[in-house]
Amino acid sequence: MIGESPVSGERHTCHAKDCAVNIPPRMFMCLKHWRMVPQELQRAVWATYRPGQEQDKNPSEAYMKVARTVIDAVAAKESRQ
């Protein structure tokens, strides 16, 4: 099932605020919200992503910092619409 971890069966949703779209665990946001993320921040997400972090639940501090920035950037864009 999309948005479900093959190991634990946990559901995974888009990290945008108030979005409940199911996505694969290795993805950060649904396509609608990912397209709102500026390219430099998209690159920062992938630059700090470590393969497997979605399985062991141990992302780096750098990734978490970028993640918070991206979530806030999307929320700001949505509030202007």
Protein backbone atom coordinates (compact mmCIF):
# COMPACT_ATOMS: atom_id res chain seq x y z
CA MET A 1 0.00 0.00 0.00
CA ILE A 2 1.26 3.47 -0.83
CA GLY A 3 2.31 5.33 2.28
CA GLU A 4 2.85 2.19 4.33
CA SER A 5 6.20 0.97 5.58
CA PRO A 6 6.92 -2.55 4.26
CA VAL A 7 8.63 -3.41 7.53
CA SER A 8 6.30 -2.11 10.20
CA GLY A 9 3.06 -1.45 8.33
CA GLU A 10 3.06 2.11 9.69
CA ARG A 11 1.29 4.73 7.60
CA HIS A 12 3.34 7.65 6.31
CA THR A 13 1.79 10.95 5.29
CA CYS A 14 3.03 14.16 3.71
CA HIS A 15 4.96 16.34 6.17
CA ALA A 16 3.17 19.53 5.08
CA LYS A 17 1.03 20.99 7.85
CA ASP A 18 -2.50 19.52 7.88
CA CYS A 19 -1.89 17.25 4.86
CA ALA A 20 -3.08 13.67 5.23
CA VAL A 21 -2.02 12.35 1.82
CA ASN A 22 -0.39 8.91 2.10
CA ILE A 23 3.04 8.74 0.50
CA PRO A 24 5.86 6.17 0.40
CA PRO A 25 8.00 6.34 3.57
CA ARG A 26 11.11 7.42 1.63
CA MET A 27 9.29 10.54 0.36
CA PHE A 28 9.05 13.81 2.28
CA MET A 29 5.91 15.38 0.84
CA CYS A 30 3.11 14.65 -1.57
CA LEU A 31 3.62 15.95 -5.10
CA LYS A 32 1.33 18.96 -4.59
CA HIS A 33 3.35 20.19 -1.63
CA TRP A 34 6.77 19.17 -2.97
CA ARG A 35 6.16 21.38 -6.00
CA MET A 36 5.75 24.34 -3.64
CA VAL A 37 9.25 23.81 -2.21
CA PRO A 38 11.90 26.07 -3.77
CA GLN A 39 14.51 24.08 -5.72
CA GLU A 40 17.35 25.04 -3.40
CA LEU A 41 15.42 23.59 -0.46
CA GLN A 42 14.55 20.46 -2.44
CA ARG A 43 18.26 19.98 -3.08
CA ALA A 44 18.98 20.54 0.62
CA VAL A 45 16.48 17.82 1.58
CA TRP A 46 18.16 15.31 -0.72
CA ALA A 47 21.67 16.43 0.26
CA THR A 48 20.93 15.71 3.93
CA TYR A 49 18.82 12.57 3.39
CA ARG A 50 20.46 9.28 4.34
CA PRO A 51 19.05 6.17 2.64
CA GLY A 52 17.30 4.05 5.24
CA GLN A 53 16.62 6.86 7.72
CA GLU A 54 12.90 6.34 7.18
CA GLN A 55 13.33 2.76 8.40
CA ASP A 56 15.61 3.25 11.39
CA LYS A 57 13.94 6.56 12.35
CA ASN A 58 17.32 8.21 12.92
CA PRO A 59 17.65 11.24 10.60
CA SER A 60 20.54 13.63 11.12
CA GLU A 61 20.18 16.99 12.84
CA ALA A 62 21.00 18.63 9.49
CA TYR A 63 18.10 16.81 7.83
CA MET A 64 15.72 17.76 10.64
CA LYS A 65 16.75 21.42 10.37
CA VAL A 66 16.13 21.43 6.62
CA ALA A 67 12.84 19.57 7.14
CA ARG A 68 11.56 22.25 9.52
CA THR A 69 12.57 24.97 7.06
CA VAL A 70 10.77 23.22 4.19
CA ILE A 71 7.60 22.64 6.21
CA ASP A 72 7.54 26.30 7.23
CA ALA A 73 8.18 27.45 3.64
CA VAL A 74 5.22 25.45 2.33
CA ALA A 75 2.99 26.66 5.16
CA ALA A 76 3.91 30.25 4.34
CA LYS A 77 3.07 29.74 0.67
CA GLU A 78 -0.28 28.17 1.52
CA SER A 79 -1.24 31.00 3.84
CA ARG A 80 -0.74 33.52 1.02
CA GLN A 81 -3.11 31.67 -1.31
